[in-house]
């Protein structure tokens, strides 16, 4: 099922869902990550190992949980979290090709009504607007369908490509969280960028698309 995001629109079952934008630069699709994605996903990760590994989270207690999960186990855990309403694990496609992954995690209701977004994309499509478009679609879905109020993205200060994503989208810089996540064997500082629903009354995707048109 493919949904076009509109403000105030609700669905009876928020997952699984497929989001699509046919805009400048091609067709960007967010869809559930599936077990049959194993081969293209692993090939893509291997192809981008050097590009991605320096930003990947690691465990401060190596070996504490046994070996790494298989891809099927990984998808099963993500799917269970999605069904429980705590996560939205999306595969990212550009013109039908798997090019990355975006996950809305730590979905919380109550007095917070917020979540975090994390992502990665293949180097061969970086800079083409794929991830800004994906983040915008996921954010609008969280605000319009899930009823969330706040989205945040945490980025290492050295990660220039990821910093450009939040710059393009106009997220607020809320400062540095010291020793926030364990990455590549050490606790690393991150900068937190955030957005609340009041800041994008017409949707983040519409604002992003307007800024792209103005830059042409």
N, C-alpha and C. Protein backbone atom coordinates (compact mmCIF):
# COMPACT_ATOMS: atom_id res chain seq x y z
N UNK A 1 0.84 -1.18 0.00
CA UNK A 1 0.00 0.00 0.00
C UNK A 1 0.89 1.24 0.00
N UNK A 2 0.66 2.14 -0.94
CA UNK A 2 1.43 3.38 -1.04
C UNK A 2 0.58 4.53 -0.56
N UNK A 3 1.17 5.37 0.28
CA UNK A 3 0.42 6.49 0.83
C UNK A 3 1.07 7.80 0.45
N UNK A 4 0.25 8.77 0.09
CA UNK A 4 0.71 10.14 -0.07
C UNK A 4 0.36 10.88 1.21
N UNK A 5 1.35 11.54 1.80
CA UNK A 5 1.14 12.16 3.10
C UNK A 5 0.35 13.45 2.97
N UNK A 6 -0.69 13.60 3.76
CA UNK A 6 -1.41 14.86 3.87
C UNK A 6 -1.63 15.16 5.34
N UNK A 7 -1.65 16.42 5.70
CA UNK A 7 -1.79 16.80 7.09
C UNK A 7 -3.14 16.35 7.64
N UNK A 8 -3.11 15.80 8.85
CA UNK A 8 -4.34 15.40 9.51
C UNK A 8 -4.90 14.07 9.05
N UNK A 9 -4.22 13.39 8.12
CA UNK A 9 -4.70 12.12 7.58
C UNK A 9 -4.33 10.98 8.52
N UNK A 10 -5.25 10.05 8.77
CA UNK A 10 -4.98 8.94 9.68
C UNK A 10 -5.27 7.62 8.98
N UNK A 11 -4.64 6.55 9.46
CA UNK A 11 -4.89 5.21 8.94
C UNK A 11 -5.16 4.29 10.12
N UNK A 12 -5.89 3.20 9.85
CA UNK A 12 -6.23 2.27 10.92
C UNK A 12 -5.02 1.45 11.34
N UNK A 13 -4.13 1.19 10.38
CA UNK A 13 -2.97 0.34 10.66
C UNK A 13 -1.73 1.04 10.11
N UNK A 14 -0.91 1.65 10.99
CA UNK A 14 0.21 2.46 10.50
C UNK A 14 1.40 1.68 9.97
N UNK A 15 1.41 0.36 10.12
CA UNK A 15 2.50 -0.46 9.59
C UNK A 15 1.95 -1.79 9.16
N UNK A 16 2.37 -2.36 8.01
CA UNK A 16 3.38 -1.84 7.09
C UNK A 16 2.84 -0.70 6.21
N UNK A 17 3.74 0.14 5.74
CA UNK A 17 3.37 1.26 4.90
C UNK A 17 4.48 1.50 3.89
N UNK A 18 4.11 1.99 2.72
CA UNK A 18 5.08 2.40 1.70
C UNK A 18 4.84 3.86 1.36
N UNK A 19 5.91 4.66 1.39
CA UNK A 19 5.83 6.09 1.10
C UNK A 19 6.61 6.36 -0.18
N UNK A 20 6.11 7.26 -1.01
CA UNK A 20 6.73 7.48 -2.32
C UNK A 20 6.69 8.94 -2.70
N UNK A 21 7.78 9.41 -3.31
CA UNK A 21 7.80 10.76 -3.87
C UNK A 21 8.44 10.70 -5.26
N UNK A 22 7.68 11.07 -6.25
CA UNK A 22 8.18 11.12 -7.63
C UNK A 22 8.51 12.57 -7.94
N UNK A 23 9.68 12.98 -7.55
CA UNK A 23 10.05 14.38 -7.70
C UNK A 23 11.34 14.56 -8.45
N UNK A 24 11.98 15.69 -8.17
CA UNK A 24 13.26 16.00 -8.81
C UNK A 24 14.28 14.93 -8.46
N UNK A 25 14.98 14.43 -9.45
CA UNK A 25 16.03 13.46 -9.19
C UNK A 25 15.61 12.02 -9.23
N UNK A 26 14.29 11.75 -9.41
CA UNK A 26 13.85 10.37 -9.51
C UNK A 26 12.80 10.00 -8.49
N UNK A 27 12.40 8.75 -8.51
CA UNK A 27 11.37 8.23 -7.62
C UNK A 27 12.00 7.65 -6.36
N UNK A 28 11.71 8.26 -5.22
CA UNK A 28 12.22 7.80 -3.94
C UNK A 28 11.11 7.07 -3.20
N UNK A 29 11.39 5.86 -2.78
CA UNK A 29 10.39 5.02 -2.10
C UNK A 29 10.95 4.55 -0.76
N UNK A 30 10.12 4.66 0.27
CA UNK A 30 10.39 4.03 1.56
C UNK A 30 9.41 2.88 1.72
N UNK A 31 9.93 1.69 1.94
CA UNK A 31 9.09 0.51 2.11
C UNK A 31 9.68 -0.37 3.19
N UNK A 32 8.91 -1.32 3.73
CA UNK A 32 9.45 -2.19 4.76
C UNK A 32 10.66 -2.99 4.27
N UNK A 33 11.66 -3.11 5.12
CA UNK A 33 12.80 -3.98 4.83
C UNK A 33 12.32 -5.42 4.93
N UNK A 34 12.72 -6.26 3.95
CA UNK A 34 12.23 -7.63 3.87
C UNK A 34 13.39 -8.61 3.89
N UNK A 35 13.09 -9.86 4.25
CA UNK A 35 14.13 -10.89 4.26
C UNK A 35 14.70 -11.12 2.87
N UNK A 36 13.88 -10.96 1.83
CA UNK A 36 14.38 -11.18 0.47
C UNK A 36 15.31 -10.06 0.00
N UNK A 37 15.47 -9.02 0.82
CA UNK A 37 16.45 -7.97 0.51
C UNK A 37 17.87 -8.39 0.87
N UNK A 38 18.04 -9.58 1.42
CA UNK A 38 19.33 -9.99 1.98
C UNK A 38 20.48 -9.82 0.99
N UNK A 39 20.35 -10.37 -0.21
CA UNK A 39 21.47 -10.33 -1.15
C UNK A 39 21.80 -8.90 -1.60
N UNK A 40 20.83 -8.11 -2.10
CA UNK A 40 21.19 -6.74 -2.50
C UNK A 40 21.64 -5.89 -1.32
N UNK A 41 21.04 -6.11 -0.13
CA UNK A 41 21.42 -5.33 1.05
C UNK A 41 22.87 -5.62 1.43
N UNK A 42 23.27 -6.88 1.46
CA UNK A 42 24.63 -7.23 1.86
C UNK A 42 25.64 -6.79 0.81
N UNK A 43 25.28 -6.88 -0.46
CA UNK A 43 26.17 -6.39 -1.52
C UNK A 43 26.37 -4.88 -1.39
N UNK A 44 25.29 -4.17 -1.09
CA UNK A 44 25.36 -2.72 -0.95
C UNK A 44 26.22 -2.33 0.25
N UNK A 45 26.05 -3.05 1.35
CA UNK A 45 26.86 -2.77 2.54
C UNK A 45 28.34 -3.06 2.29
N UNK A 46 28.63 -4.16 1.58
CA UNK A 46 30.02 -4.49 1.29
C UNK A 46 30.63 -3.45 0.37
N UNK A 47 29.87 -3.00 -0.61
CA UNK A 47 30.34 -1.99 -1.55
C UNK A 47 30.64 -0.66 -0.86
N UNK A 48 29.92 -0.38 0.23
CA UNK A 48 30.03 0.90 0.93
C UNK A 48 30.70 0.78 2.29
N UNK A 49 31.43 -0.31 2.51
CA UNK A 49 32.02 -0.55 3.83
C UNK A 49 32.87 0.63 4.30
N UNK A 50 33.77 1.08 3.48
CA UNK A 50 34.65 2.18 3.89
C UNK A 50 33.87 3.48 4.09
N UNK A 51 32.85 3.69 3.28
CA UNK A 51 32.02 4.89 3.33
C UNK A 51 31.19 4.96 4.62
N UNK A 52 30.77 3.76 5.15
CA UNK A 52 29.82 3.72 6.26
C UNK A 52 30.40 3.35 7.62
N UNK A 53 31.44 2.52 7.64
CA UNK A 53 31.84 1.90 8.90
C UNK A 53 32.29 2.90 9.96
N UNK A 54 32.87 4.02 9.57
CA UNK A 54 33.35 4.97 10.57
C UNK A 54 32.22 5.64 11.34
N UNK A 55 30.97 5.51 10.84
CA UNK A 55 29.82 6.11 11.51
C UNK A 55 28.93 5.07 12.19
N UNK A 56 29.30 3.79 12.11
CA UNK A 56 28.46 2.72 12.61
C UNK A 56 28.59 2.54 14.12
N UNK A 57 27.47 2.31 14.77
CA UNK A 57 27.48 2.05 16.21
C UNK A 57 28.17 0.73 16.53
N UNK A 58 28.83 0.68 17.67
CA UNK A 58 29.49 -0.54 18.15
C UNK A 58 29.08 -0.78 19.61
N UNK A 59 29.38 -1.95 20.10
CA UNK A 59 29.04 -2.28 21.48
C UNK A 59 30.22 -1.99 22.41
N UNK A 60 29.97 -1.35 23.56
CA UNK A 60 31.05 -1.14 24.52
C UNK A 60 31.48 -2.43 25.21
N UNK A 61 30.70 -3.51 25.01
CA UNK A 61 31.02 -4.82 25.58
C UNK A 61 31.07 -5.85 24.46
N UNK A 62 32.16 -5.89 23.70
CA UNK A 62 32.25 -6.82 22.57
C UNK A 62 32.00 -8.26 22.99
N UNK A 63 31.16 -8.95 22.22
CA UNK A 63 30.90 -10.36 22.49
C UNK A 63 29.88 -10.64 23.55
N UNK A 64 29.34 -9.58 24.17
CA UNK A 64 28.41 -9.81 25.28
C UNK A 64 27.12 -10.47 24.80
N UNK A 65 26.71 -10.17 23.58
CA UNK A 65 25.46 -10.74 23.08
C UNK A 65 25.66 -11.85 22.07
N UNK A 66 26.84 -12.44 22.02
CA UNK A 66 27.11 -13.45 21.02
C UNK A 66 27.50 -12.83 19.70
N UNK A 67 27.45 -13.60 18.63
CA UNK A 67 27.83 -13.12 17.31
C UNK A 67 26.76 -12.22 16.71
N UNK A 68 27.10 -11.55 15.61
CA UNK A 68 26.12 -10.69 14.94
C UNK A 68 24.96 -11.51 14.40
N UNK A 69 23.75 -10.94 14.36
CA UNK A 69 22.59 -11.69 13.86
C UNK A 69 22.68 -11.92 12.36
N UNK A 70 21.99 -12.94 11.88
CA UNK A 70 21.85 -13.12 10.45
C UNK A 70 20.93 -12.02 9.93
N UNK A 71 20.90 -11.85 8.61
CA UNK A 71 20.03 -10.82 8.05
C UNK A 71 18.56 -11.14 8.35
N UNK A 72 18.19 -12.41 8.27
CA UNK A 72 16.81 -12.80 8.57
C UNK A 72 16.46 -12.47 10.02
N UNK A 73 17.38 -12.74 10.94
CA UNK A 73 17.14 -12.40 12.35
C UNK A 73 17.03 -10.90 12.54
N UNK A 74 17.88 -10.16 11.84
CA UNK A 74 17.86 -8.70 11.91
C UNK A 74 16.51 -8.16 11.46
N UNK A 75 16.01 -8.65 10.33
CA UNK A 75 14.72 -8.19 9.81
C UNK A 75 13.59 -8.60 10.75
N UNK A 76 13.69 -9.80 11.32
CA UNK A 76 12.65 -10.27 12.23
C UNK A 76 12.54 -9.37 13.45
N UNK A 77 13.67 -8.97 14.01
CA UNK A 77 13.66 -8.07 15.17
C UNK A 77 13.07 -6.72 14.80
N UNK A 78 13.50 -6.16 13.66
CA UNK A 78 12.97 -4.87 13.22
C UNK A 78 11.47 -4.94 12.96
N UNK A 79 11.02 -6.03 12.36
CA UNK A 79 9.60 -6.18 12.06
C UNK A 79 8.78 -6.28 13.35
N UNK A 80 9.31 -6.97 14.34
CA UNK A 80 8.62 -7.07 15.63
C UNK A 80 8.51 -5.70 16.29
N UNK A 81 9.58 -4.91 16.20
CA UNK A 81 9.53 -3.56 16.76
C UNK A 81 8.51 -2.70 16.02
N UNK A 82 8.43 -2.86 14.71
CA UNK A 82 7.46 -2.10 13.92
C UNK A 82 6.03 -2.47 14.30
N UNK A 83 5.78 -3.76 14.46
CA UNK A 83 4.44 -4.19 14.86
C UNK A 83 4.09 -3.70 16.26
N UNK A 84 5.10 -3.57 17.12
CA UNK A 84 4.87 -3.08 18.48
C UNK A 84 4.72 -1.56 18.53
N UNK A 85 5.01 -0.89 17.40
CA UNK A 85 4.84 0.55 17.34
C UNK A 85 5.99 1.36 17.87
N UNK A 86 7.16 0.73 18.04
CA UNK A 86 8.32 1.46 18.57
C UNK A 86 9.33 1.83 17.50
N UNK A 87 9.15 1.34 16.27
CA UNK A 87 10.14 1.57 15.22
C UNK A 87 9.47 1.46 13.86
N UNK A 88 10.03 2.17 12.86
CA UNK A 88 9.61 2.04 11.47
C UNK A 88 10.86 1.76 10.64
N UNK A 89 11.13 0.50 10.30
CA UNK A 89 12.36 0.15 9.56
C UNK A 89 12.13 0.15 8.05
N UNK A 90 12.59 1.19 7.39
CA UNK A 90 12.37 1.35 5.96
C UNK A 90 13.61 1.00 5.14
N UNK A 91 13.40 0.29 4.03
CA UNK A 91 14.39 0.24 2.96
C UNK A 91 14.19 1.48 2.10
N UNK A 92 15.29 2.04 1.57
CA UNK A 92 15.22 3.22 0.71
C UNK A 92 15.53 2.79 -0.72
N UNK A 93 14.63 3.11 -1.63
CA UNK A 93 14.84 2.82 -3.04
C UNK A 93 14.89 4.10 -3.86
N UNK A 94 15.71 4.11 -4.89
CA UNK A 94 15.72 5.18 -5.88
C UNK A 94 15.49 4.54 -7.25
N UNK A 95 14.39 4.90 -7.89
CA UNK A 95 14.02 4.34 -9.19
C UNK A 95 14.07 2.81 -9.19
N UNK A 96 13.57 2.22 -8.11
CA UNK A 96 13.46 0.77 -8.00
C UNK A 96 14.70 0.06 -7.50
N UNK A 97 15.79 0.79 -7.25
CA UNK A 97 17.04 0.19 -6.78
C UNK A 97 17.20 0.43 -5.28
N UNK A 98 17.51 -0.63 -4.53
CA UNK A 98 17.81 -0.48 -3.11
C UNK A 98 19.10 0.31 -2.94
N UNK A 99 19.01 1.45 -2.24
CA UNK A 99 20.19 2.31 -2.11
C UNK A 99 20.51 2.67 -0.67
N UNK A 100 19.69 2.24 0.29
CA UNK A 100 19.98 2.61 1.67
C UNK A 100 18.90 2.15 2.62
N UNK A 101 18.92 2.74 3.80
CA UNK A 101 18.00 2.35 4.86
C UNK A 101 17.72 3.57 5.74
N UNK A 102 16.48 3.68 6.19
CA UNK A 102 16.09 4.72 7.14
C UNK A 102 15.24 4.08 8.21
N UNK A 103 15.55 4.37 9.47
CA UNK A 103 14.79 3.80 10.57
C UNK A 103 14.31 4.92 11.50
N UNK A 104 13.02 4.95 11.73
CA UNK A 104 12.46 5.78 12.79
C UNK A 104 12.45 4.92 14.04
N UNK A 105 13.18 5.34 15.07
CA UNK A 105 13.33 4.51 16.27
C UNK A 105 12.93 5.29 17.52
N UNK A 106 12.88 4.57 18.63
CA UNK A 106 12.55 5.16 19.94
C UNK A 106 11.25 5.96 19.88
N UNK A 107 10.24 5.41 19.18
CA UNK A 107 8.95 6.08 19.10
C UNK A 107 8.30 6.06 20.48
N UNK A 108 8.00 7.25 20.99
CA UNK A 108 7.48 7.40 22.35
C UNK A 108 6.26 8.30 22.33
N UNK A 109 5.24 7.92 23.08
CA UNK A 109 4.04 8.75 23.16
C UNK A 109 4.00 9.43 24.54
N UNK A 110 2.87 9.56 25.14
CA UNK A 110 2.80 10.24 26.42
C UNK A 110 3.11 11.72 26.28
N UNK A 111 3.85 12.25 27.26
CA UNK A 111 4.14 13.69 27.27
C UNK A 111 5.21 14.09 26.27
N UNK A 112 5.94 13.12 25.69
CA UNK A 112 6.99 13.43 24.72
C UNK A 112 6.48 13.42 23.28
N UNK A 113 5.85 12.33 22.88
CA UNK A 113 5.37 12.15 21.49
C UNK A 113 6.50 12.46 20.50
N UNK A 114 7.58 11.71 20.60
CA UNK A 114 8.73 11.96 19.74
C UNK A 114 9.38 10.69 19.25
N UNK A 115 10.37 10.86 18.40
CA UNK A 115 11.13 9.73 17.85
C UNK A 115 12.44 10.24 17.29
N UNK A 116 13.34 9.31 16.98
CA UNK A 116 14.62 9.63 16.36
C UNK A 116 14.66 8.99 14.97
N UNK A 117 15.38 9.63 14.07
CA UNK A 117 15.58 9.08 12.73
C UNK A 117 17.07 8.85 12.49
N UNK A 118 17.39 7.67 12.01
CA UNK A 118 18.75 7.35 11.58
C UNK A 118 18.71 6.82 10.16
N UNK A 119 19.82 6.94 9.43
CA UNK A 119 19.81 6.55 8.03
C UNK A 119 21.22 6.29 7.53
N UNK A 120 21.28 5.58 6.42
CA UNK A 120 22.51 5.46 5.64
C UNK A 120 22.13 5.32 4.18
N UNK A 121 23.04 5.73 3.30
CA UNK A 121 22.77 5.66 1.87
C UNK A 121 24.05 5.32 1.14
N UNK A 122 23.93 4.65 0.01
CA UNK A 122 25.10 4.29 -0.79
C UNK A 122 25.81 5.54 -1.30
N UNK A 123 27.13 5.47 -1.33
CA UNK A 123 27.91 6.62 -1.78
C UNK A 123 27.59 7.01 -3.21
N UNK A 124 27.19 6.05 -4.05
CA UNK A 124 26.99 6.36 -5.47
C UNK A 124 25.76 7.22 -5.72
N UNK A 125 24.87 7.37 -4.72
CA UNK A 125 23.71 8.27 -4.89
C UNK A 125 23.73 9.41 -3.87
N UNK A 126 24.78 9.51 -3.09
CA UNK A 126 24.87 10.59 -2.10
C UNK A 126 24.87 11.94 -2.79
N UNK A 127 24.21 12.91 -2.19
CA UNK A 127 24.15 14.25 -2.74
C UNK A 127 23.06 14.48 -3.76
N UNK A 128 22.24 13.46 -4.01
CA UNK A 128 21.18 13.58 -5.02
C UNK A 128 19.80 13.85 -4.40
N UNK A 129 19.77 14.11 -3.12
CA UNK A 129 18.51 14.43 -2.46
C UNK A 129 17.71 13.23 -1.99
N UNK A 130 18.27 12.02 -2.09
CA UNK A 130 17.54 10.82 -1.70
C UNK A 130 17.22 10.82 -0.21
N UNK A 131 18.23 11.06 0.62
CA UNK A 131 18.00 11.00 2.06
C UNK A 131 17.21 12.21 2.57
N UNK A 132 17.48 13.44 2.13
CA UNK A 132 16.58 14.53 2.55
C UNK A 132 15.11 14.24 2.22
N UNK A 133 14.86 13.72 1.02
CA UNK A 133 13.48 13.38 0.65
C UNK A 133 12.94 12.28 1.55
N UNK A 134 13.75 11.27 1.83
CA UNK A 134 13.32 10.17 2.69
C UNK A 134 13.02 10.65 4.10
N UNK A 135 13.91 11.47 4.66
CA UNK A 135 13.69 12.00 6.00
C UNK A 135 12.42 12.85 6.03
N UNK A 136 12.21 13.65 4.99
CA UNK A 136 11.01 14.50 4.94
C UNK A 136 9.74 13.65 4.89
N UNK A 137 9.73 12.60 4.07
CA UNK A 137 8.54 11.74 4.00
C UNK A 137 8.29 11.04 5.33
N UNK A 138 9.34 10.50 5.94
CA UNK A 138 9.17 9.80 7.21
C UNK A 138 8.71 10.75 8.31
N UNK A 139 9.25 11.97 8.31
CA UNK A 139 8.84 12.96 9.32
C UNK A 139 7.38 13.33 9.16
N UNK A 140 6.94 13.58 7.93
CA UNK A 140 5.54 13.91 7.70
C UNK A 140 4.62 12.76 8.11
N UNK A 141 5.07 11.53 7.86
CA UNK A 141 4.27 10.37 8.28
C UNK A 141 4.16 10.32 9.80
N UNK A 142 5.26 10.58 10.47
CA UNK A 142 5.25 10.56 11.94
C UNK A 142 4.34 11.64 12.51
N UNK A 143 4.39 12.83 11.92
CA UNK A 143 3.56 13.92 12.41
C UNK A 143 2.08 13.72 12.05
N UNK A 144 1.81 13.39 10.79
CA UNK A 144 0.43 13.35 10.29
C UNK A 144 -0.32 12.08 10.65
N UNK A 145 0.40 10.94 10.66
CA UNK A 145 -0.27 9.66 10.86
C UNK A 145 -0.08 9.14 12.28
N UNK A 146 1.15 9.16 12.76
CA UNK A 146 1.41 8.65 14.11
C UNK A 146 1.06 9.65 15.19
N UNK A 147 0.90 10.92 14.83
CA UNK A 147 0.55 11.93 15.81
C UNK A 147 1.70 12.35 16.69
N UNK A 148 2.95 12.19 16.20
CA UNK A 148 4.10 12.61 16.99
C UNK A 148 4.28 14.12 16.90
N UNK A 149 5.04 14.65 17.84
CA UNK A 149 5.25 16.10 17.92
C UNK A 149 6.67 16.52 17.60
N UNK A 150 7.64 15.62 17.85
CA UNK A 150 9.05 16.00 17.72
C UNK A 150 9.83 14.87 17.05
N UNK A 151 10.70 15.24 16.12
CA UNK A 151 11.64 14.31 15.50
C UNK A 151 13.04 14.85 15.72
N UNK A 152 13.97 13.96 16.07
CA UNK A 152 15.36 14.39 16.21
C UNK A 152 16.29 13.47 15.44
N UNK A 153 17.42 14.04 15.03
CA UNK A 153 18.47 13.30 14.33
C UNK A 153 19.78 13.63 15.01
N UNK A 154 20.55 12.61 15.37
CA UNK A 154 21.83 12.79 16.07
C UNK A 154 22.97 12.42 15.13
N UNK A 155 23.92 13.35 14.98
CA UNK A 155 24.97 13.22 13.97
C UNK A 155 26.32 13.53 14.58
N UNK A 156 27.31 12.74 14.23
CA UNK A 156 28.67 13.06 14.67
C UNK A 156 29.14 14.36 14.01
N UNK A 157 29.81 15.24 14.76
CA UNK A 157 30.23 16.52 14.20
C UNK A 157 31.14 16.39 12.98
N UNK A 158 31.82 15.25 12.83
CA UNK A 158 32.73 15.04 11.70
C UNK A 158 32.03 14.53 10.44
N UNK A 159 30.74 14.18 10.55
CA UNK A 159 30.03 13.54 9.45
C UNK A 159 29.42 14.61 8.53
N UNK A 160 30.25 15.14 7.64
CA UNK A 160 29.83 16.22 6.75
C UNK A 160 28.62 15.90 5.89
N UNK A 161 28.58 14.73 5.20
CA UNK A 161 27.42 14.43 4.36
C UNK A 161 26.10 14.40 5.13
N UNK A 162 26.14 13.85 6.35
CA UNK A 162 24.91 13.78 7.14
C UNK A 162 24.51 15.16 7.67
N UNK A 163 25.49 15.97 8.00
CA UNK A 163 25.19 17.34 8.43
C UNK A 163 24.53 18.14 7.31
N UNK A 164 24.91 17.85 6.07
CA UNK A 164 24.29 18.56 4.95
C UNK A 164 22.82 18.19 4.79
N UNK A 165 22.46 16.97 5.19
CA UNK A 165 21.06 16.55 5.11
C UNK A 165 20.19 17.44 5.99
N UNK A 166 20.57 17.59 7.26
CA UNK A 166 19.74 18.39 8.17
C UNK A 166 19.81 19.88 7.83
N UNK A 167 20.94 20.30 7.25
CA UNK A 167 21.04 21.69 6.80
C UNK A 167 20.05 21.95 5.67
N UNK A 168 19.99 21.04 4.71
CA UNK A 168 19.06 21.20 3.59
C UNK A 168 17.61 21.23 4.07
N UNK A 169 17.31 20.45 5.09
CA UNK A 169 15.94 20.34 5.58
C UNK A 169 15.58 21.43 6.59
N UNK A 170 16.57 22.15 7.08
CA UNK A 170 16.30 23.24 8.00
C UNK A 170 15.98 22.82 9.41
N UNK A 171 16.55 21.69 9.88
CA UNK A 171 16.35 21.29 11.27
C UNK A 171 17.18 22.16 12.20
N UNK A 172 16.66 22.38 13.41
CA UNK A 172 17.35 23.19 14.41
C UNK A 172 18.53 22.45 15.02
N UNK A 173 19.63 23.14 15.18
CA UNK A 173 20.80 22.58 15.87
C UNK A 173 20.61 22.82 17.36
N UNK A 174 20.47 21.76 18.13
CA UNK A 174 20.23 21.88 19.57
C UNK A 174 21.49 21.67 20.41
N UNK A 175 22.65 21.57 19.74
CA UNK A 175 23.89 21.49 20.48
C UNK A 175 24.48 20.09 20.54
N UNK A 176 25.56 19.99 21.29
CA UNK A 176 26.34 18.75 21.36
C UNK A 176 25.92 17.90 22.55
N UNK A 177 25.77 16.60 22.31
CA UNK A 177 25.61 15.62 23.38
C UNK A 177 26.95 14.90 23.51
N UNK A 178 27.60 15.12 24.62
CA UNK A 178 28.94 14.56 24.80
C UNK A 178 28.87 13.06 25.07
N UNK A 179 29.78 12.34 24.38
CA UNK A 179 29.91 10.89 24.56
C UNK A 179 28.54 10.21 24.45
N UNK A 180 27.81 10.53 23.39
CA UNK A 180 26.42 10.12 23.25
C UNK A 180 26.25 8.67 22.81
N UNK A 181 27.05 8.22 21.81
CA UNK A 181 26.94 6.86 21.31
C UNK A 181 28.31 6.23 21.17
N UNK A 182 28.34 4.90 21.32
CA UNK A 182 29.58 4.14 21.19
C UNK A 182 29.77 3.77 19.72
N UNK A 183 30.81 4.33 19.10
CA UNK A 183 31.08 4.13 17.67
C UNK A 183 32.56 3.87 17.46
N UNK A 184 32.84 2.80 16.73
CA UNK A 184 34.22 2.46 16.41
C UNK A 184 35.11 2.43 17.65
N UNK A 185 34.60 1.78 18.70
CA UNK A 185 35.41 1.50 19.89
C UNK A 185 35.50 2.60 20.92
N UNK A 186 34.75 3.70 20.79
CA UNK A 186 34.83 4.78 21.76
C UNK A 186 33.50 5.52 21.84
N UNK A 187 33.29 6.20 22.95
CA UNK A 187 32.08 7.02 23.11
C UNK A 187 32.29 8.33 22.36
N UNK A 188 31.38 8.62 21.44
CA UNK A 188 31.55 9.76 20.54
C UNK A 188 30.50 10.84 20.79
N UNK A 189 30.95 12.09 20.69
CA UNK A 189 30.03 13.23 20.75
C UNK A 189 29.13 13.25 19.51
N UNK A 190 27.91 13.74 19.69
CA UNK A 190 26.97 13.94 18.58
C UNK A 190 26.31 15.30 18.71
N UNK A 191 25.94 15.87 17.58
CA UNK A 191 25.10 17.06 17.58
C UNK A 191 23.66 16.63 17.33
N UNK A 192 22.75 17.23 18.08
CA UNK A 192 21.34 16.90 17.96
C UNK A 192 20.62 17.97 17.15
N UNK A 193 19.88 17.52 16.15
CA UNK A 193 19.06 18.40 15.32
C UNK A 193 17.60 17.95 15.48
N UNK A 194 16.69 18.91 15.55
CA UNK A 194 15.30 18.55 15.84
C UNK A 194 14.32 19.41 15.08
N UNK A 195 13.08 18.92 15.05
CA UNK A 195 11.99 19.61 14.38
C UNK A 195 10.71 19.22 15.10
N UNK A 196 9.81 20.19 15.31
CA UNK A 196 8.50 19.88 15.87
C UNK A 196 7.43 20.16 14.82
N UNK A 197 6.27 19.59 15.03
CA UNK A 197 5.21 19.68 14.03
C UNK A 197 4.78 21.11 13.75
N UNK A 198 4.84 21.99 14.75
CA UNK A 198 4.44 23.38 14.54
C UNK A 198 5.33 24.11 13.53
N UNK A 199 6.56 23.63 13.38
CA UNK A 199 7.51 24.29 12.49
C UNK A 199 7.25 24.00 11.01
N UNK A 200 6.48 22.97 10.73
CA UNK A 200 6.19 22.62 9.33
C UNK A 200 4.69 22.37 9.17
N UNK A 201 3.88 23.42 9.28
CA UNK A 201 2.42 23.24 9.21
C UNK A 201 1.94 22.63 7.89
N UNK A 202 2.70 22.84 6.82
CA UNK A 202 2.33 22.27 5.53
C UNK A 202 3.14 21.02 5.18
N UNK A 203 3.96 20.57 6.13
CA UNK A 203 4.75 19.38 5.91
C UNK A 203 6.20 19.67 5.56
N UNK A 204 7.09 18.80 6.03
CA UNK A 204 8.51 18.98 5.74
C UNK A 204 8.82 18.68 4.27
N UNK A 205 8.13 17.70 3.69
CA UNK A 205 8.38 17.36 2.28
C UNK A 205 8.05 18.55 1.38
N UNK A 206 6.94 19.23 1.64
CA UNK A 206 6.56 20.39 0.83
C UNK A 206 7.61 21.49 0.95
N UNK A 207 8.12 21.70 2.16
CA UNK A 207 9.15 22.73 2.35
C UNK A 207 10.43 22.36 1.62
N UNK A 208 10.83 21.10 1.69
CA UNK A 208 12.03 20.63 1.02
C UNK A 208 11.88 20.74 -0.49
N UNK A 209 10.73 20.33 -1.01
CA UNK A 209 10.51 20.42 -2.46
C UNK A 209 10.54 21.87 -2.93
N UNK A 210 9.97 22.78 -2.15
CA UNK A 210 9.98 24.20 -2.52
C UNK A 210 11.39 24.75 -2.56
N UNK A 211 12.21 24.35 -1.59
CA UNK A 211 13.59 24.84 -1.57
C UNK A 211 14.40 24.30 -2.73
N UNK A 212 14.11 23.07 -3.17
CA UNK A 212 14.81 22.51 -4.32
C UNK A 212 14.42 23.23 -5.60
N UNK A 213 13.16 23.55 -5.73
CA UNK A 213 12.72 24.28 -6.93
C UNK A 213 13.34 25.67 -7.00
N UNK A 214 13.47 26.31 -5.84
CA UNK A 214 14.05 27.65 -5.81
C UNK A 214 15.52 27.64 -6.17
N UNK A 215 16.20 26.51 -5.93
CA UNK A 215 17.63 26.44 -6.19
C UNK A 215 17.97 26.14 -7.64
N UNK A 216 16.96 25.77 -8.41
CA UNK A 216 17.19 25.42 -9.82
C UNK A 216 17.44 26.70 -10.65
